[in-house]
Protein backbone atom coordinates (compact mmCIF):
# COMPACT_ATOMS: atom_id res chain seq x y z
CA MET A 1 0.32 0.00 -0.17
CA GLN A 2 1.41 3.51 -0.92
CA VAL A 3 2.20 6.24 1.87
CA ALA A 4 -0.33 8.73 0.65
CA GLN A 5 -2.41 5.69 0.30
CA TRP A 6 -2.09 4.75 3.78
CA LEU A 7 -2.46 7.93 5.16
CA GLY A 8 -6.14 8.19 3.42
CA VAL A 9 -7.44 4.89 4.88
CA LYS A 10 -5.97 6.14 8.43
CA LYS A 11 -7.80 9.37 7.92
CA ASN A 12 -11.22 7.80 6.94
CA LYS A 13 -11.01 5.35 9.88
CA LEU A 14 -10.54 8.33 12.08
CA ARG A 15 -13.60 10.32 10.72
CA ARG A 16 -15.31 7.17 11.35
CA VAL A 17 -14.75 6.74 15.14
CA GLY A 18 -15.32 10.44 15.64
CA THR A 19 -18.95 10.51 14.00
CA HIS A 20 -19.07 7.14 15.79
CA MET A 21 -18.07 9.15 18.89
CA MET A 22 -20.43 11.68 18.55
CA ARG A 23 -23.49 9.98 17.72
CA MET A 24 -23.00 8.08 21.05
CA LEU A 25 -22.33 11.15 22.89
CA GLY A 26 -26.14 12.93 21.25
CA LYS A 27 -27.99 9.21 21.99
CA HIS A 28 -28.65 9.43 17.47
CA HIS A 29 -31.18 6.58 16.75
CA PRO A 30 -31.95 5.41 15.09
CA ARG A 31 -28.55 4.05 13.48
CA ILE A 32 -27.22 4.22 9.92
CA ILE A 33 -27.19 0.56 8.71
CA VAL A 34 -26.35 -0.21 5.57
CA SER A 35 -26.92 -3.68 3.73
CA MET A 36 -25.88 -5.42 1.24
CA THR A 37 -24.95 -8.90 -0.22
CA SER A 38 -22.64 -11.09 -2.71
CA TYR A 39 -21.77 -13.94 -3.75
CA PRO A 40 -18.38 -15.50 -5.58
CA ALA A 41 -18.28 -13.90 -8.83
CA ARG A 42 -18.41 -10.55 -7.55
CA ILE A 43 -17.05 -11.45 -4.21
CA ASN A 44 -13.73 -9.81 -5.38
CA THR A 45 -15.24 -6.18 -6.56
CA VAL A 46 -17.28 -5.71 -3.52
CA HIS A 47 -14.40 -3.99 -1.66
CA LEU A 48 -15.41 -0.99 -4.46
CA ALA A 49 -18.14 -0.78 -2.93
CA ILE A 50 -18.12 -0.81 0.28
CA ARG A 51 -15.20 1.65 0.16
CA SER A 52 -17.62 4.25 -1.70
CA LEU A 53 -20.08 3.83 1.16
CA LEU A 54 -17.44 4.32 3.84
CA ALA A 55 -16.73 7.62 1.87
CA GLN A 56 -20.22 9.25 2.52
CA LYS A 57 -20.73 12.56 3.73
CA VAL A 58 -22.97 11.19 5.81
CA LEU A 59 -21.72 7.78 7.26
CA PRO A 60 -23.57 5.23 8.61
CA ASP A 61 -23.14 3.19 11.33
CA LYS A 62 -22.05 -0.11 10.08
CA ILE A 63 -21.91 -1.69 6.87
CA VAL A 64 -23.56 -5.29 7.17
CA LEU A 65 -22.31 -7.82 4.60
CA TRP A 66 -24.96 -10.95 4.59
CA LEU A 67 -22.93 -14.67 2.72
CA CYS A 68 -24.01 -17.89 1.99
CA LYS A 69 -22.13 -20.12 3.80
CA SER A 70 -22.50 -21.92 0.94
CA ASP A 71 -20.85 -20.08 -1.19
CA PHE A 72 -17.97 -19.78 0.75
CA PRO A 73 -17.15 -22.99 2.56
CA ASN A 74 -14.45 -21.77 4.03
CA ARG A 75 -16.12 -18.57 5.34
CA GLU A 76 -13.44 -15.21 6.05
CA ALA A 77 -10.53 -17.78 4.42
CA ASP A 78 -12.14 -17.88 1.12
CA LEU A 79 -12.12 -13.89 0.93
CA PRO A 80 -10.37 -11.77 -1.11
CA GLN A 81 -7.19 -9.94 1.26
CA ASN A 82 -9.25 -6.67 -0.51
CA LEU A 83 -12.63 -7.37 1.28
CA ARG A 84 -10.73 -8.54 4.95
CA ASP A 85 -8.66 -5.15 4.59
CA VAL A 86 -12.08 -2.69 4.75
CA LEU A 87 -13.85 -5.20 7.48
CA TRP A 88 -13.87 -3.57 11.24
CA TYR A 89 -15.74 -2.31 13.95
CA ASP A 90 -18.22 -0.82 11.77
CA VAL A 91 -18.13 -3.01 8.64
CA GLU A 92 -18.72 -6.80 9.25
CA VAL A 93 -19.62 -10.00 7.63
CA ARG A 94 -22.79 -11.89 8.80
CA TRP A 95 -23.27 -15.70 7.75
CA VAL A 96 -26.26 -17.33 6.90
CA ASP A 97 -27.40 -21.15 5.75
CA ASP A 98 -30.41 -19.91 3.06
CA ASP A 99 -29.52 -18.57 -0.03
CA LEU A 100 -31.99 -16.24 -0.58
CA LYS A 101 -29.97 -14.56 -3.34
CA PRO A 102 -30.62 -11.04 -3.94
CA HIS A 103 -33.18 -11.20 -1.21
CA LYS A 104 -30.18 -11.89 1.63
CA LYS A 105 -29.78 -7.86 1.18
CA TYR A 106 -32.94 -6.92 2.87
CA PHE A 107 -34.22 -9.99 4.80
CA TRP A 108 -32.05 -10.15 8.33
CA SER A 109 -31.69 -7.17 8.12
CA LEU A 110 -35.01 -6.00 8.59
CA GLN A 111 -35.18 -7.71 11.27
CA GLU A 112 -32.86 -7.55 13.70
CA PHE A 113 -32.44 -4.11 13.17
CA SER A 114 -35.87 -3.05 13.15
CA ASP A 115 -35.50 0.20 15.38
CA ASP A 116 -32.91 1.58 12.87
CA TYR A 117 -33.16 3.12 9.45
CA VAL A 118 -31.64 0.02 6.90
CA ILE A 119 -30.35 1.27 3.65
CA THR A 120 -30.24 -1.11 1.19
CA THR A 121 -27.11 -1.62 -1.39
CA ASP A 122 -25.59 -3.63 -4.43
CA ASP A 123 -22.10 -4.90 -4.72
CA ASP A 124 -21.94 -3.62 -8.14
CA LEU A 125 -22.13 0.26 -7.78
CA LEU A 126 -19.78 2.66 -6.94
CA TYR A 127 -21.84 5.30 -4.40
CA ARG A 128 -21.48 9.20 -5.21
CA ASN A 129 -21.08 10.31 -1.56
CA THR A 130 -24.43 12.34 -1.21
CA MET A 131 -26.81 9.05 -1.08
CA ILE A 132 -27.29 8.49 2.49
CA GLY A 133 -27.54 12.15 2.73
CA ASP A 134 -30.12 12.34 0.38
CA LEU A 135 -32.14 9.67 1.45
CA LEU A 136 -31.97 10.84 4.92
CA ALA A 137 -33.63 14.33 3.54
CA ALA A 138 -36.19 12.81 1.70
CA HIS A 139 -37.31 10.56 5.09
CA GLU A 140 -37.11 13.54 6.42
CA ALA A 141 -39.71 15.26 4.50
CA HIS A 142 -41.23 12.39 3.80
CA PRO A 143 -41.54 10.14 7.48
CA HIS A 144 -44.37 7.39 6.12
CA ALA A 145 -42.39 6.56 2.84
CA ILE A 146 -40.08 4.76 1.94
CA ALA A 147 -36.89 6.63 0.13
CA ALA A 148 -34.86 5.57 -2.97
CA VAL A 149 -32.19 6.82 -5.11
CA ARG A 150 -33.25 5.20 -8.22
CA THR A 151 -36.74 4.68 -9.31
CA HIS A 152 -39.15 3.99 -12.46
CA LEU A 153 -42.86 4.91 -12.64
CA ILE A 154 -45.40 2.21 -13.47
CA MET A 155 -47.54 3.13 -16.24
CA PHE A 156 -50.85 1.90 -17.87
CA ASN A 157 -52.91 1.41 -21.21
CA GLU A 158 -55.60 3.91 -22.24
CA ASP A 159 -57.93 0.96 -21.03
CA GLY A 160 -56.63 1.29 -17.27
CA THR A 161 -54.56 -1.91 -17.23
CA ARG A 162 -50.36 -2.03 -16.24
CA THR A 163 -48.10 -2.31 -18.94
CA ASN A 164 -45.60 -4.64 -18.96
CA TYR A 165 -41.98 -4.07 -16.85
CA GLU A 166 -40.01 -3.48 -19.61
CA ASP A 167 -42.30 -0.34 -20.41
CA TRP A 168 -42.69 1.89 -17.30
CA ILE A 169 -40.78 4.40 -17.20
CA TYR A 170 -36.86 3.80 -16.26
CA GLU A 171 -35.60 6.49 -13.86
CA ALA A 172 -38.19 8.73 -14.33
CA PRO A 173 -36.78 11.68 -12.27
CA HIS A 174 -33.95 11.41 -14.35
CA TYR A 175 -36.00 12.69 -17.19
CA HIS A 176 -38.71 14.35 -15.11
CA PRO A 177 -37.75 16.43 -11.92
CA ALA A 178 -40.81 17.24 -11.01
CA LEU A 179 -41.67 13.28 -9.12
CA VAL A 180 -39.13 13.80 -7.03
CA GLY A 181 -40.06 14.51 -3.91
CA VAL A 182 -43.48 13.48 -4.17
CA PRO A 183 -44.97 9.89 -2.66
CA SER A 184 -46.45 7.95 -4.45
CA MET A 185 -47.94 4.27 -4.94
CA ARG A 186 -46.92 4.12 -8.55
CA ILE A 187 -43.53 5.09 -8.06
CA PHE A 188 -40.88 1.78 -8.20
CA ALA A 189 -37.85 1.98 -6.37
CA THR A 190 -34.98 -0.45 -7.37
CA ASN A 191 -33.82 -1.22 -3.78
CA GLY A 192 -29.87 -1.91 -4.73
CA ALA A 193 -29.34 1.62 -5.91
CA GLY A 194 -29.88 2.78 -2.45
CA THR A 195 -33.28 2.56 -0.79
CA LEU A 196 -34.08 3.51 2.88
CA TYR A 197 -36.55 1.39 5.19
CA PRO A 198 -37.79 3.40 7.97
CA PRO A 199 -38.02 1.09 11.62
CA HIS A 200 -40.53 -0.95 11.35
CA VAL A 201 -41.82 -0.60 7.90
CA MET A 202 -42.56 -3.33 6.33
CA PRO A 203 -44.99 -6.08 6.85
CA LEU A 204 -44.49 -9.29 8.85
CA GLU A 205 -45.21 -11.44 5.12
CA THR A 206 -42.36 -9.94 3.04
CA PHE A 207 -40.49 -12.32 5.44
CA ASP A 208 -41.96 -15.34 3.81
CA ALA A 209 -39.10 -17.28 2.55
CA GLY A 210 -41.11 -19.73 1.50
CA THR A 211 -43.57 -17.70 -1.36
CA ILE A 212 -40.26 -16.08 -1.63
CA LYS A 213 -38.25 -19.57 -2.70
CA LYS A 214 -41.67 -20.13 -5.49
CA THR A 215 -42.02 -16.92 -6.66
CA CYS A 216 -39.38 -14.99 -7.22
CA LEU A 217 -35.97 -15.53 -5.80
CA THR A 218 -34.17 -13.79 -8.08
CA ALA A 219 -36.11 -10.44 -8.03
CA ASP A 220 -36.73 -9.18 -4.50
CA ASP A 221 -37.13 -5.83 -6.25
CA LEU A 222 -40.68 -6.94 -7.16
CA TRP A 223 -41.40 -8.63 -3.81
CA LEU A 224 -40.63 -5.66 -1.53
CA LYS A 225 -42.91 -3.89 -4.13
CA VAL A 226 -45.84 -5.88 -3.81
CA MET A 227 -45.22 -5.98 0.08
CA GLN A 228 -44.88 -2.54 0.40
CA VAL A 229 -48.71 -1.86 -1.68
CA LYS A 230 -50.16 -4.35 0.30
CA ALA A 231 -49.13 -2.38 4.09
CA GLY A 232 -50.29 1.37 2.09
CA ILE A 233 -46.36 1.66 1.85
CA PRO A 234 -45.63 4.35 -0.84
CA VAL A 235 -42.00 5.44 -2.70
CA VAL A 236 -40.56 8.48 -3.01
CA ALA A 237 -37.53 9.45 -5.33
CA ALA A 238 -34.47 11.36 -3.38
CA THR A 239 -33.24 12.93 -6.16
CA ASP A 240 -33.02 13.28 -9.85
CA ASP A 241 -29.01 11.96 -10.39
CA GLN A 242 -30.59 8.61 -11.32
CA LEU A 243 -27.80 7.28 -13.24
CA LEU A 244 -25.97 4.21 -12.11
CA ASN A 245 -21.81 4.21 -11.65
CA TYR A 246 -21.34 0.46 -12.12
CA VAL A 247 -17.89 -1.21 -10.31
CA PRO A 248 -15.93 -2.08 -14.06
CA GLY A 249 -16.35 -5.38 -15.18
CA THR A 250 -19.36 -6.63 -12.70
CA GLN A 251 -21.77 -6.26 -15.74
CA GLY A 252 -21.55 -9.75 -17.41
CA GLU A 253 -24.31 -11.64 -18.63
CA GLU A 254 -24.79 -13.14 -15.20
CA ALA A 255 -26.33 -9.71 -13.94
CA LEU A 256 -29.63 -9.76 -12.98
CA CYS A 257 -31.04 -6.98 -14.89
CA HIS A 258 -30.65 -9.04 -18.21
CA GLN A 259 -32.19 -11.92 -17.00
CA ASN A 260 -34.99 -10.16 -15.21
CA THR A 261 -35.55 -6.98 -17.88
CA GLU A 262 -34.12 -7.45 -20.64
CA SER A 263 -35.79 -11.46 -21.53
CA GLY A 264 -39.64 -10.23 -20.19
CA VAL A 265 -38.68 -12.65 -16.92
CA ASN A 266 -40.26 -9.39 -14.39
CA ASN A 267 -43.54 -9.87 -15.54
CA ILE A 268 -44.25 -13.48 -15.25
CA VAL A 269 -42.39 -12.77 -11.90
CA LEU A 270 -44.82 -10.23 -11.01
CA LYS A 271 -48.15 -12.65 -11.83
CA ALA A 272 -46.60 -15.22 -10.24
CA ILE A 273 -46.37 -13.25 -6.57
CA LEU A 274 -49.55 -11.64 -7.60
CA GLY A 275 -51.44 -14.56 -7.84
CA GLU A 276 -49.63 -16.67 -5.09
CA LEU A 277 -50.55 -13.76 -2.38
CA GLN A 278 -54.51 -13.81 -3.13
CA ALA A 279 -54.81 -17.81 -3.26
CA LYS A 280 -53.06 -17.51 0.49
CA GLY A 281 -55.29 -14.02 1.26
CA VAL A 282 -52.30 -12.12 1.90
CA LEU A 283 -53.59 -9.26 -1.03
CA SER A 284 -56.71 -9.39 -1.57
CA ASP A 285 -57.15 -5.90 -3.52
CA ASP A 286 -56.69 -5.23 -6.85
CA PHE A 287 -52.94 -4.73 -7.48
CA ASP A 288 -53.66 -2.32 -10.54
CA LYS A 289 -55.94 -0.48 -9.07
CA LEU A 290 -53.65 0.07 -5.83
CA VAL A 291 -51.04 1.33 -7.42
CA ALA A 292 -52.73 3.53 -10.08
CA ASP A 293 -52.36 7.58 -9.32
CA PRO A 294 -53.63 9.29 -12.31
CA SER A 295 -52.05 12.20 -10.29
CA LEU A 296 -48.49 12.10 -11.50
CA ASP A 297 -49.16 12.03 -15.31
CA ALA A 298 -49.18 15.27 -15.06
CA LEU A 299 -45.91 15.18 -14.22
CA ILE A 300 -44.50 13.56 -17.06
CA ALA A 301 -46.23 15.57 -19.12
């Protein structure tokens, strides 16, 4: 490690210690918990995402990386040195037995840290240093909504039926800034770009691992949206700066976006989720009617 880099690491650790001490003295609560997951194909670069989170103007109290034991049978010994270098008292790995794929980023954190702010992130993104601050500001303005950095707008046909996922307006506030700061059931959060969940916000059914495995194991965003709609929780876009900055080399053909979005799988998965939950009586009302919000049409005209 070069001297300048070593000094930068030491300075960052001092800043983190100072921030946490000030929050403890000020009885800061809820805490800010950043939660993410990874898997073997990306474990060599996940440290870059973590370092960008440690460079935030508003620091998290804790970053938790959820890993499945079956992916790394030798636990820490299977992790690259560049990841072990960033593990410290406020950055830790948690090991789980159940491989819930991308759902690992929220599944245990929302339950264990239920009194705190949980911010979900992905392992393949570099986060601008205002991300956490933007989310907290949006939450303060709209405390009963889920605040998200990257959001889509659910679209409808002239007859009132919902369009296919691929026909929604991706990153809608980037093109229509008037959508920023407007809570709506029609706004769809993509959780890995940075999404803040206030304490105790998600319903108990969110943690039904059996239904997740049956209907949407690779589509956490869809599952969480349906749970939000079930509980009547709107989403608010925290910023119009919605375009993603990927860690170089992480967007190969294995990326879930290729499978779920480009091939139309999301439409099949959403139908399966809704059918299963309606059959169980968990979701009794019509999903399309619950998310419809014609008032937003004027903001995208």
